Amino acid sequence: MSEVPIPMREHALDNIRFIRDAMERAGSFTSIPGWGGVGVGVTAIGAAVIAQQFLGRSLRMWLATWLAEAIVAAVIGFGTMTVKARRSEEPFMSGAAKRFFISYFAPLVAGAVVTLALVRVEAYAAIPSVWLLLYGAAFVSSGAFSIRVIPVMGVLFMLFGGLAALVPLNASNIILGIAFGGLHILFGFIIARSYGG
């Protein structure tokens, strides 16, 4: 029996690579943790209550409370996402996952930079709006590579961000609690029920 000529073998391997890449691009990252979202929502409501106590006394402590909440939320989100990915045997660094994370983190990095600029000029009242708008943008853009409800949640965060831009800091802190708390809990339950945890 004769061997397949090397050029034909290479051509076949190129075709297989192309098919695999196309399938990865077509895939969606589905390891979004619903129960993790609920947990993030609960801690966000707690953060809003604590942060409200600092308004009028220490805006730096108000900011520190929300930054601490961001760290807690990241730990909850990443931890539950890792568990869900393992359980569903979804590769955590698949093509869809990489595109999801790049699209998700780009607006968050922009939010961090803008937050630093706003703190430098002591424009604390603008921070909640910026956070909600860019957090929403993170979900809208990354939702193209994930489950269908993610962009919807992102649009709602952006609407709350627009509302926060129109009110004083006392009210926008409450909006942060409603959005980060309520939307995470609501969509966390939807994701857990419809997309397996």
N, C-alpha and C. Protein backbone atom coordinates (compact mmCIF):
# COMPACT_ATOMS: atom_id res chain seq x y z
N MET A 1 0.83 -1.18 0.00
CA MET A 1 0.00 0.00 0.00
C MET A 1 0.88 1.24 0.00
N SER A 2 0.54 2.20 -0.81
CA SER A 2 1.38 3.39 -0.91
C SER A 2 0.95 4.44 0.11
N GLU A 3 1.94 5.20 0.55
CA GLU A 3 1.67 6.27 1.51
C GLU A 3 1.04 7.46 0.80
N VAL A 4 0.24 8.23 1.56
CA VAL A 4 -0.34 9.46 1.02
C VAL A 4 0.80 10.46 0.84
N PRO A 5 0.88 11.08 -0.30
CA PRO A 5 1.96 12.06 -0.50
C PRO A 5 1.90 13.16 0.56
N ILE A 6 3.06 13.63 0.94
CA ILE A 6 3.16 14.64 2.01
C ILE A 6 2.35 15.89 1.70
N PRO A 7 2.39 16.45 0.49
CA PRO A 7 1.60 17.66 0.26
C PRO A 7 0.10 17.42 0.49
N MET A 8 -0.41 16.25 0.13
CA MET A 8 -1.83 15.97 0.34
C MET A 8 -2.14 15.85 1.83
N ARG A 9 -1.23 15.24 2.58
CA ARG A 9 -1.41 15.11 4.02
C ARG A 9 -1.44 16.49 4.67
N GLU A 10 -0.51 17.36 4.27
CA GLU A 10 -0.48 18.72 4.81
C GLU A 10 -1.75 19.49 4.45
N HIS A 11 -2.23 19.29 3.24
CA HIS A 11 -3.47 19.94 2.82
C HIS A 11 -4.64 19.46 3.69
N ALA A 12 -4.69 18.16 3.96
CA ALA A 12 -5.75 17.61 4.80
C ALA A 12 -5.67 18.17 6.22
N LEU A 13 -4.46 18.26 6.76
CA LEU A 13 -4.29 18.83 8.11
C LEU A 13 -4.69 20.30 8.15
N ASP A 14 -4.37 21.04 7.10
CA ASP A 14 -4.80 22.45 7.02
C ASP A 14 -6.32 22.55 7.01
N ASN A 15 -6.97 21.67 6.28
CA ASN A 15 -8.44 21.66 6.24
C ASN A 15 -9.02 21.35 7.61
N ILE A 16 -8.43 20.38 8.30
CA ILE A 16 -8.92 20.03 9.64
C ILE A 16 -8.73 21.20 10.60
N ARG A 17 -7.59 21.87 10.54
CA ARG A 17 -7.36 23.06 11.38
C ARG A 17 -8.39 24.15 11.09
N PHE A 18 -8.66 24.37 9.80
CA PHE A 18 -9.64 25.38 9.41
C PHE A 18 -11.02 25.04 9.98
N ILE A 19 -11.43 23.79 9.85
CA ILE A 19 -12.74 23.36 10.36
C ILE A 19 -12.79 23.54 11.88
N ARG A 20 -11.73 23.13 12.56
CA ARG A 20 -11.70 23.26 14.02
C ARG A 20 -11.79 24.73 14.44
N ASP A 21 -11.02 25.60 13.78
CA ASP A 21 -11.07 27.03 14.10
C ASP A 21 -12.46 27.61 13.83
N ALA A 22 -13.07 27.22 12.73
CA ALA A 22 -14.42 27.71 12.40
C ALA A 22 -15.43 27.26 13.45
N MET A 23 -15.30 26.02 13.91
CA MET A 23 -16.23 25.51 14.93
C MET A 23 -16.02 26.24 16.25
N GLU A 24 -14.77 26.51 16.61
CA GLU A 24 -14.51 27.26 17.84
C GLU A 24 -15.07 28.67 17.76
N ARG A 25 -14.91 29.31 16.60
CA ARG A 25 -15.44 30.68 16.44
C ARG A 25 -16.96 30.69 16.52
N ALA A 26 -17.59 29.63 16.05
CA ALA A 26 -19.04 29.57 16.06
C ALA A 26 -19.59 29.25 17.44
N GLY A 27 -18.76 28.70 18.31
CA GLY A 27 -19.21 28.29 19.63
C GLY A 27 -19.47 29.47 20.54
N SER A 28 -20.15 29.19 21.62
CA SER A 28 -20.44 30.20 22.63
C SER A 28 -19.84 29.77 23.96
N PHE A 29 -19.45 30.75 24.76
CA PHE A 29 -18.97 30.47 26.11
C PHE A 29 -20.19 30.42 27.01
N THR A 30 -20.50 29.24 27.53
CA THR A 30 -21.74 29.05 28.28
C THR A 30 -21.54 28.87 29.78
N SER A 31 -20.32 28.99 30.26
CA SER A 31 -20.06 28.75 31.69
C SER A 31 -20.29 29.99 32.54
N ILE A 32 -21.28 30.77 32.19
CA ILE A 32 -21.66 31.93 33.00
C ILE A 32 -22.43 31.41 34.20
N PRO A 33 -21.95 31.69 35.43
CA PRO A 33 -22.55 31.09 36.62
C PRO A 33 -23.77 31.85 37.14
N GLY A 34 -24.93 31.25 37.04
CA GLY A 34 -26.14 31.89 37.55
C GLY A 34 -26.10 32.07 39.05
N TRP A 35 -25.74 31.00 39.77
CA TRP A 35 -25.72 31.10 41.24
C TRP A 35 -24.62 32.04 41.70
N GLY A 36 -23.54 32.13 40.94
CA GLY A 36 -22.50 33.11 41.25
C GLY A 36 -23.05 34.53 41.10
N GLY A 37 -23.87 34.75 40.08
CA GLY A 37 -24.50 36.05 39.89
C GLY A 37 -25.40 36.42 41.05
N VAL A 38 -26.14 35.43 41.56
CA VAL A 38 -26.98 35.68 42.73
C VAL A 38 -26.11 36.08 43.92
N GLY A 39 -25.01 35.37 44.13
CA GLY A 39 -24.09 35.70 45.22
C GLY A 39 -23.52 37.10 45.08
N VAL A 40 -23.13 37.46 43.87
CA VAL A 40 -22.60 38.81 43.62
C VAL A 40 -23.67 39.85 43.91
N GLY A 41 -24.91 39.56 43.53
CA GLY A 41 -26.00 40.50 43.78
C GLY A 41 -26.25 40.73 45.26
N VAL A 42 -26.20 39.66 46.03
CA VAL A 42 -26.42 39.77 47.48
C VAL A 42 -25.31 40.61 48.12
N THR A 43 -24.06 40.34 47.76
CA THR A 43 -22.96 41.13 48.35
C THR A 43 -23.01 42.58 47.88
N ALA A 44 -23.49 42.83 46.66
CA ALA A 44 -23.59 44.20 46.16
C ALA A 44 -24.63 45.00 46.95
N ILE A 45 -25.72 44.36 47.31
CA ILE A 45 -26.73 45.06 48.12
C ILE A 45 -26.12 45.42 49.48
N GLY A 46 -25.37 44.48 50.06
CA GLY A 46 -24.69 44.77 51.32
C GLY A 46 -23.71 45.93 51.18
N ALA A 47 -22.96 45.94 50.08
CA ALA A 47 -22.01 47.03 49.84
C ALA A 47 -22.72 48.37 49.69
N ALA A 48 -23.87 48.37 49.02
CA ALA A 48 -24.62 49.62 48.84
C ALA A 48 -25.08 50.18 50.19
N VAL A 49 -25.52 49.29 51.07
CA VAL A 49 -25.98 49.72 52.40
C VAL A 49 -24.80 50.30 53.19
N ILE A 50 -23.67 49.61 53.16
CA ILE A 50 -22.49 50.09 53.88
C ILE A 50 -21.99 51.41 53.28
N ALA A 51 -21.89 51.46 51.95
CA ALA A 51 -21.37 52.66 51.28
C ALA A 51 -22.25 53.87 51.54
N GLN A 52 -23.55 53.67 51.65
CA GLN A 52 -24.48 54.78 51.89
C GLN A 52 -24.14 55.49 53.20
N GLN A 53 -23.63 54.73 54.18
CA GLN A 53 -23.29 55.31 55.48
C GLN A 53 -22.13 56.30 55.39
N PHE A 54 -21.28 56.13 54.37
CA PHE A 54 -20.10 57.00 54.23
C PHE A 54 -20.38 58.28 53.45
N LEU A 55 -21.49 58.33 52.74
CA LEU A 55 -21.80 59.53 51.95
C LEU A 55 -21.99 60.71 52.89
N GLY A 56 -21.38 61.82 52.56
CA GLY A 56 -21.45 63.00 53.41
C GLY A 56 -20.38 63.02 54.48
N ARG A 57 -19.70 61.88 54.70
CA ARG A 57 -18.63 61.82 55.71
C ARG A 57 -17.26 61.56 55.08
N SER A 58 -17.18 60.53 54.24
CA SER A 58 -15.89 60.17 53.65
C SER A 58 -16.11 59.52 52.29
N LEU A 59 -15.90 60.30 51.24
CA LEU A 59 -16.08 59.76 49.89
C LEU A 59 -15.02 58.72 49.56
N ARG A 60 -13.85 58.83 50.18
CA ARG A 60 -12.82 57.81 49.96
C ARG A 60 -13.25 56.47 50.55
N MET A 61 -13.90 56.49 51.70
CA MET A 61 -14.41 55.24 52.29
C MET A 61 -15.58 54.69 51.47
N TRP A 62 -16.39 55.58 50.92
CA TRP A 62 -17.46 55.15 50.02
C TRP A 62 -16.85 54.40 48.84
N LEU A 63 -15.82 55.00 48.24
CA LEU A 63 -15.15 54.38 47.10
C LEU A 63 -14.49 53.06 47.51
N ALA A 64 -13.82 53.05 48.66
CA ALA A 64 -13.15 51.83 49.14
C ALA A 64 -14.14 50.70 49.35
N THR A 65 -15.34 51.03 49.82
CA THR A 65 -16.37 50.00 50.01
C THR A 65 -16.73 49.35 48.69
N TRP A 66 -16.95 50.16 47.66
CA TRP A 66 -17.31 49.62 46.36
C TRP A 66 -16.15 48.88 45.70
N LEU A 67 -14.93 49.35 45.92
CA LEU A 67 -13.77 48.64 45.36
C LEU A 67 -13.59 47.29 46.04
N ALA A 68 -13.83 47.24 47.35
CA ALA A 68 -13.79 45.96 48.06
C ALA A 68 -14.87 45.02 47.52
N GLU A 69 -16.04 45.56 47.25
CA GLU A 69 -17.12 44.75 46.66
C GLU A 69 -16.72 44.22 45.29
N ALA A 70 -16.02 45.03 44.50
CA ALA A 70 -15.57 44.57 43.18
C ALA A 70 -14.64 43.37 43.31
N ILE A 71 -13.77 43.40 44.32
CA ILE A 71 -12.86 42.26 44.54
C ILE A 71 -13.64 41.03 44.97
N VAL A 72 -14.58 41.21 45.91
CA VAL A 72 -15.41 40.08 46.36
C VAL A 72 -16.20 39.51 45.19
N ALA A 73 -16.78 40.38 44.38
CA ALA A 73 -17.57 39.94 43.22
C ALA A 73 -16.70 39.18 42.23
N ALA A 74 -15.48 39.65 42.00
CA ALA A 74 -14.58 38.97 41.06
C ALA A 74 -14.23 37.58 41.56
N VAL A 75 -13.99 37.45 42.87
CA VAL A 75 -13.67 36.13 43.44
C VAL A 75 -14.86 35.20 43.30
N ILE A 76 -16.05 35.69 43.65
CA ILE A 76 -17.26 34.86 43.53
C ILE A 76 -17.49 34.47 42.07
N GLY A 77 -17.44 35.45 41.18
CA GLY A 77 -17.70 35.19 39.76
C GLY A 77 -16.71 34.23 39.15
N PHE A 78 -15.42 34.47 39.38
CA PHE A 78 -14.40 33.60 38.78
C PHE A 78 -14.46 32.20 39.38
N GLY A 79 -14.66 32.13 40.70
CA GLY A 79 -14.74 30.82 41.36
C GLY A 79 -15.90 29.98 40.85
N THR A 80 -17.08 30.58 40.79
CA THR A 80 -18.25 29.82 40.34
C THR A 80 -18.19 29.54 38.84
N MET A 81 -17.56 30.42 38.07
CA MET A 81 -17.39 30.17 36.64
C MET A 81 -16.46 28.98 36.41
N THR A 82 -15.40 28.90 37.20
CA THR A 82 -14.46 27.78 37.09
C THR A 82 -15.16 26.47 37.42
N VAL A 83 -15.95 26.46 38.49
CA VAL A 83 -16.68 25.25 38.88
C VAL A 83 -17.65 24.83 37.78
N LYS A 84 -18.40 25.79 37.23
CA LYS A 84 -19.36 25.47 36.18
C LYS A 84 -18.67 24.96 34.92
N ALA A 85 -17.55 25.55 34.56
CA ALA A 85 -16.81 25.11 33.37
C ALA A 85 -16.31 23.68 33.55
N ARG A 86 -15.80 23.36 34.73
CA ARG A 86 -15.33 21.99 34.99
C ARG A 86 -16.49 21.00 34.95
N ARG A 87 -17.59 21.39 35.58
CA ARG A 87 -18.76 20.50 35.64
C ARG A 87 -19.30 20.21 34.24
N SER A 88 -19.33 21.21 33.40
CA SER A 88 -19.87 21.03 32.05
C SER A 88 -18.79 20.60 31.05
N GLU A 89 -17.56 20.44 31.55
CA GLU A 89 -16.42 20.03 30.72
C GLU A 89 -16.21 20.97 29.53
N GLU A 90 -16.48 22.25 29.77
CA GLU A 90 -16.24 23.26 28.75
C GLU A 90 -14.82 23.78 28.91
N PRO A 91 -14.03 23.74 27.84
CA PRO A 91 -12.65 24.26 27.96
C PRO A 91 -12.67 25.73 28.36
N PHE A 92 -11.96 26.04 29.45
CA PHE A 92 -11.98 27.40 29.98
C PHE A 92 -11.27 28.38 29.07
N MET A 93 -10.39 27.91 28.23
CA MET A 93 -9.70 28.81 27.32
C MET A 93 -9.96 28.42 25.87
N SER A 94 -11.20 28.08 25.57
CA SER A 94 -11.60 27.82 24.19
C SER A 94 -11.59 29.14 23.42
N GLY A 95 -11.75 29.05 22.11
CA GLY A 95 -11.79 30.27 21.30
C GLY A 95 -12.91 31.19 21.74
N ALA A 96 -14.10 30.62 22.01
CA ALA A 96 -15.23 31.44 22.44
C ALA A 96 -14.95 32.08 23.80
N ALA A 97 -14.33 31.33 24.71
CA ALA A 97 -14.03 31.87 26.04
C ALA A 97 -13.03 33.02 25.94
N LYS A 98 -12.01 32.86 25.11
CA LYS A 98 -11.02 33.93 24.94
C LYS A 98 -11.67 35.20 24.39
N ARG A 99 -12.53 35.03 23.39
CA ARG A 99 -13.21 36.20 22.83
C ARG A 99 -14.15 36.83 23.87
N PHE A 100 -14.82 35.99 24.66
CA PHE A 100 -15.69 36.49 25.71
C PHE A 100 -14.89 37.36 26.68
N PHE A 101 -13.76 36.84 27.18
CA PHE A 101 -12.98 37.56 28.19
C PHE A 101 -12.35 38.83 27.64
N ILE A 102 -11.86 38.81 26.41
CA ILE A 102 -11.29 40.02 25.81
C ILE A 102 -12.37 41.09 25.69
N SER A 103 -13.55 40.70 25.21
CA SER A 103 -14.65 41.66 25.05
C SER A 103 -15.16 42.16 26.40
N TYR A 104 -15.10 41.30 27.41
CA TYR A 104 -15.59 41.66 28.74
C TYR A 104 -14.63 42.61 29.45
N PHE A 105 -13.34 42.29 29.40
CA PHE A 105 -12.38 43.07 30.20
C PHE A 105 -12.01 44.41 29.58
N ALA A 106 -12.12 44.58 28.28
CA ALA A 106 -11.75 45.86 27.67
C ALA A 106 -12.53 47.04 28.27
N PRO A 107 -13.87 46.98 28.36
CA PRO A 107 -14.59 48.10 28.99
C PRO A 107 -14.28 48.25 30.48
N LEU A 108 -13.97 47.13 31.16
CA LEU A 108 -13.66 47.22 32.59
C LEU A 108 -12.33 47.94 32.82
N VAL A 109 -11.35 47.67 31.96
CA VAL A 109 -10.07 48.38 32.06
C VAL A 109 -10.30 49.87 31.80
N ALA A 110 -11.12 50.18 30.81
CA ALA A 110 -11.45 51.59 30.55
C ALA A 110 -12.11 52.21 31.77
N GLY A 111 -13.00 51.47 32.42
CA GLY A 111 -13.66 51.96 33.63
C GLY A 111 -12.68 52.25 34.75
N ALA A 112 -11.69 51.39 34.91
CA ALA A 112 -10.68 51.60 35.95
C ALA A 112 -9.87 52.87 35.68
N VAL A 113 -9.50 53.08 34.43
CA VAL A 113 -8.72 54.27 34.07
C VAL A 113 -9.55 55.54 34.29
N VAL A 114 -10.80 55.52 33.84
CA VAL A 114 -11.66 56.69 34.02
C VAL A 114 -11.92 56.95 35.50
N THR A 115 -12.08 55.88 36.29
CA THR A 115 -12.28 56.04 37.73
C THR A 115 -11.09 56.76 38.36
N LEU A 116 -9.88 56.35 38.00
CA LEU A 116 -8.68 57.02 38.53
C LEU A 116 -8.69 58.51 38.17
N ALA A 117 -9.05 58.81 36.94
CA ALA A 117 -9.09 60.21 36.50
C ALA A 117 -10.15 60.99 37.29
N LEU A 118 -11.30 60.39 37.52
CA LEU A 118 -12.37 61.07 38.26
C LEU A 118 -11.99 61.28 39.72
N VAL A 119 -11.31 60.31 40.32
CA VAL A 119 -10.87 60.47 41.71
C VAL A 119 -9.84 61.59 41.81
N ARG A 120 -8.95 61.69 40.84
CA ARG A 120 -7.93 62.76 40.86
C ARG A 120 -8.56 64.14 40.89
N VAL A 121 -9.69 64.31 40.20
CA VAL A 121 -10.35 65.62 40.18
C VAL A 121 -11.52 65.68 41.16
N GLU A 122 -11.62 64.66 41.99
CA GLU A 122 -12.66 64.55 43.02
C GLU A 122 -14.08 64.65 42.45
N ALA A 123 -14.29 64.04 41.29
CA ALA A 123 -15.62 64.01 40.67
C ALA A 123 -16.31 62.69 41.00
N TYR A 124 -16.50 62.45 42.30
CA TYR A 124 -17.06 61.18 42.76
C TYR A 124 -18.48 60.95 42.25
N ALA A 125 -19.23 62.02 42.06
CA ALA A 125 -20.63 61.89 41.63
C ALA A 125 -20.75 61.24 40.26
N ALA A 126 -19.72 61.33 39.43
CA ALA A 126 -19.76 60.74 38.09
C ALA A 126 -19.40 59.25 38.09
N ILE A 127 -18.79 58.77 39.16
CA ILE A 127 -18.28 57.39 39.18
C ILE A 127 -19.38 56.34 39.01
N PRO A 128 -20.50 56.40 39.74
CA PRO A 128 -21.51 55.35 39.55
C PRO A 128 -22.01 55.23 38.11
N SER A 129 -22.21 56.35 37.46
CA SER A 129 -22.67 56.31 36.07
C SER A 129 -21.63 55.65 35.17
N VAL A 130 -20.37 56.04 35.33
CA VAL A 130 -19.29 55.46 34.52
C VAL A 130 -19.22 53.95 34.76
N TRP A 131 -19.27 53.54 36.02
CA TRP A 131 -19.19 52.11 36.33
C TRP A 131 -20.33 51.33 35.67
N LEU A 132 -21.54 51.82 35.82
CA LEU A 132 -22.69 51.09 35.27
C LEU A 132 -22.68 51.08 33.75
N LEU A 133 -22.33 52.21 33.14
CA LEU A 133 -22.28 52.26 31.67
C LEU A 133 -21.23 51.30 31.12
N LEU A 134 -20.03 51.31 31.70
CA LEU A 134 -18.96 50.47 31.16
C LEU A 134 -19.13 49.00 31.56
N TYR A 135 -19.69 48.74 32.73
CA TYR A 135 -19.99 47.36 33.11
C TYR A 135 -21.05 46.80 32.17
N GLY A 136 -22.05 47.60 31.87
CA GLY A 136 -23.06 47.18 30.89
C GLY A 136 -22.46 46.95 29.53
N ALA A 137 -21.56 47.84 29.11
CA ALA A 137 -20.89 47.67 27.82
C ALA A 137 -20.07 46.38 27.79
N ALA A 138 -19.49 46.00 28.93
CA ALA A 138 -18.73 44.75 29.01
C ALA A 138 -19.64 43.56 28.72
N PHE A 139 -20.85 43.59 29.26
CA PHE A 139 -21.78 42.48 29.02
C PHE A 139 -22.37 42.51 27.61
N VAL A 140 -22.63 43.68 27.09
CA VAL A 140 -23.16 43.76 25.73
C VAL A 140 -22.13 43.21 24.74
N SER A 141 -20.87 43.64 24.88
CA SER A 141 -19.85 43.19 23.92
C SER A 141 -19.49 41.72 24.11
N SER A 142 -19.34 41.26 25.34
CA SER A 142 -18.98 39.86 25.55
C SER A 142 -20.16 38.93 25.31
N GLY A 143 -21.35 39.45 25.40
CA GLY A 143 -22.54 38.64 25.17
C GLY A 143 -22.63 38.08 23.77
N ALA A 144 -21.93 38.69 22.83
CA ALA A 144 -21.90 38.16 21.46
C ALA A 144 -21.27 36.78 21.41
N PHE A 145 -20.50 36.42 22.44
CA PHE A 145 -19.82 35.13 22.49
C PHE A 145 -20.34 34.26 23.61
N SER A 146 -21.55 34.55 24.08
CA SER A 146 -22.07 33.83 25.23
C SER A 146 -23.57 33.58 25.07
N ILE A 147 -24.23 33.33 26.19
CA ILE A 147 -25.66 33.03 26.17
C ILE A 147 -26.47 34.30 25.91
N ARG A 148 -27.68 34.12 25.41
CA ARG A 148 -28.47 35.24 24.89
C ARG A 148 -28.87 36.30 25.91
N VAL A 149 -29.00 35.92 27.18
CA VAL A 149 -29.47 36.91 28.15
C VAL A 149 -28.39 37.90 28.58
N ILE A 150 -27.14 37.58 28.31
CA ILE A 150 -26.04 38.44 28.77
C ILE A 150 -26.11 39.85 28.15
N PRO A 151 -26.29 40.00 26.83
CA PRO A 151 -26.40 41.36 26.29
C PRO A 151 -27.62 42.12 26.82
N VAL A 152 -28.71 41.41 27.09
CA VAL A 152 -29.91 42.06 27.65
C VAL A 152 -29.57 42.64 29.02
N MET A 153 -28.89 41.86 29.84
CA MET A 153 -28.47 42.35 31.15
C MET A 153 -27.56 43.57 30.99
N GLY A 154 -26.66 43.52 30.01
CA GLY A 154 -25.76 44.65 29.76
C GLY A 154 -26.50 45.92 29.41
N VAL A 155 -27.51 45.81 28.57
CA VAL A 155 -28.30 46.99 28.19
C VAL A 155 -28.99 47.58 29.42
N LEU A 156 -29.51 46.72 30.30
CA LEU A 156 -30.17 47.22 31.51
C LEU A 156 -29.17 47.93 32.43
N PHE A 157 -27.96 47.38 32.56
CA PHE A 157 -26.92 48.09 33.34
C PHE A 157 -26.66 49.47 32.74
N MET A 158 -26.60 49.54 31.42
CA MET A 158 -26.34 50.83 30.76
C MET A 158 -27.49 51.81 30.99
N LEU A 159 -28.72 51.33 30.98
CA LEU A 159 -29.86 52.20 31.28
C LEU A 159 -29.77 52.76 32.70
N PHE A 160 -29.41 51.89 33.65
CA PHE A 160 -29.22 52.37 35.02
C PHE A 160 -28.06 53.37 35.08
N GLY A 161 -27.02 53.15 34.27
CA GLY A 161 -25.90 54.09 34.22
C GLY A 161 -26.33 55.45 33.72
N GLY A 162 -27.19 55.46 32.72
CA GLY A 162 -27.73 56.73 32.22
C GLY A 162 -28.54 57.44 33.29
N LEU A 163 -29.34 56.68 34.03
CA LEU A 163 -30.13 57.25 35.11
C LEU A 163 -29.22 57.81 36.21
N ALA A 164 -28.16 57.07 36.55
CA ALA A 164 -27.24 57.52 37.60
C ALA A 164 -26.55 58.83 37.23
N ALA A 165 -26.41 59.09 35.94
CA ALA A 165 -25.77 60.34 35.50
C ALA A 165 -26.65 61.56 35.77
N LEU A 166 -27.93 61.33 36.00
CA LEU A 166 -28.88 62.44 36.14
C LEU A 166 -29.21 62.80 37.58
N VAL A 167 -28.68 62.04 38.54
CA VAL A 167 -29.08 62.24 39.94
C VAL A 167 -27.83 62.49 40.80
N PRO A 168 -28.02 63.03 42.02
CA PRO A 168 -26.87 63.24 42.91
C PRO A 168 -26.31 61.90 43.43
N LEU A 169 -25.13 61.98 44.05
CA LEU A 169 -24.42 60.78 44.49
C LEU A 169 -25.23 59.93 45.46
N ASN A 170 -25.97 60.55 46.38
CA ASN A 170 -26.79 59.76 47.31
C ASN A 170 -27.73 58.83 46.56
N ALA A 171 -28.39 59.37 45.54
CA ALA A 171 -29.33 58.56 44.75
C ALA A 171 -28.60 57.58 43.85
N SER A 172 -27.46 57.98 43.29
CA SER A 172 -26.76 57.07 42.38
C SER A 172 -26.14 55.90 43.14
N ASN A 173 -25.84 56.08 44.43
CA ASN A 173 -25.38 54.94 45.23
C ASN A 173 -26.50 53.91 45.37
N ILE A 174 -27.72 54.39 45.54
CA ILE A 174 -28.88 53.48 45.61
C ILE A 174 -29.06 52.78 44.27
N ILE A 175 -28.87 53.51 43.18
CA ILE A 175 -28.96 52.91 41.84
C ILE A 175 -27.89 51.84 41.67
N LEU A 176 -26.67 52.08 42.19
CA LEU A 176 -25.63 51.04 42.15
C LEU A 176 -26.11 49.78 42.85
N GLY A 177 -26.72 49.94 44.02
CA GLY A 177 -27.22 48.78 44.76
C GLY A 177 -28.32 48.05 44.01
N ILE A 178 -29.24 48.82 43.42
CA ILE A 178 -30.33 48.20 42.66
C ILE A 178 -29.79 47.47 41.44
N ALA A 179 -28.88 48.11 40.71
CA ALA A 179 -28.36 47.52 39.48
C ALA A 179 -27.43 46.35 39.78
N PHE A 180 -26.35 46.60 40.53
CA PHE A 180 -25.40 45.53 40.82
C PHE A 180 -26.05 44.43 41.66
N GLY A 181 -26.93 44.82 42.56
CA GLY A 181 -27.61 43.82 43.38
C GLY A 181 -28.76 43.15 42.65
N GLY A 182 -29.74 43.97 42.28
CA GLY A 182 -30.97 43.43 41.70
C GLY A 182 -30.78 42.73 40.36
N LEU A 183 -30.03 43.35 39.45
CA LEU A 183 -29.85 42.73 38.13
C LEU A 183 -29.05 41.44 38.22
N HIS A 184 -28.02 41.41 39.09
CA HIS A 184 -27.27 40.17 39.24
C HIS A 184 -28.15 39.05 39.82
N ILE A 185 -28.97 39.39 40.79
CA ILE A 185 -29.85 38.37 41.38
C ILE A 185 -30.87 37.90 40.35
N LEU A 186 -31.54 38.83 39.68
CA LEU A 186 -32.56 38.48 38.69
C LEU A 186 -31.97 37.62 37.57
N PHE A 187 -30.92 38.11 36.95
CA PHE A 187 -30.34 37.36 35.83
C PHE A 187 -29.59 36.12 36.31
N GLY A 188 -29.10 36.14 37.55
CA GLY A 188 -28.50 34.93 38.10
C GLY A 188 -29.51 33.81 38.18
N PHE A 189 -30.71 34.12 38.67
CA PHE A 189 -31.77 33.10 38.72
C PHE A 189 -32.16 32.64 37.32
N ILE A 190 -32.28 33.57 36.38
CA ILE A 190 -32.63 33.20 35.01
C ILE A 190 -31.57 32.27 34.42
N ILE A 191 -30.31 32.61 34.60
CA ILE A 191 -29.22 31.79 34.06
C ILE A 191 -29.17 30.43 34.75
N ALA A 192 -29.32 30.42 36.07
CA ALA A 192 -29.28 29.15 36.80
C ALA A 192 -30.41 28.23 36.34
N ARG A 193 -31.58 28.79 36.13
CA ARG A 193 -32.74 27.99 35.74
C ARG A 193 -32.66 27.54 34.28
N SER A 194 -32.24 28.43 33.41
CA SER A 194 -32.29 28.14 31.98
C SER A 194 -31.00 27.56 31.41
N TYR A 195 -29.88 27.80 32.08
CA TYR A 195 -28.59 27.39 31.51
C TYR A 195 -27.77 26.53 32.47
N GLY A 196 -28.43 25.90 33.41
CA GLY A 196 -27.76 24.91 34.26
C GLY A 196 -26.79 25.45 35.28
N GLY A 197 -27.26 26.25 36.20
CA GLY A 197 -26.41 26.70 37.31
C GLY A 197 -25.77 27.97 37.04
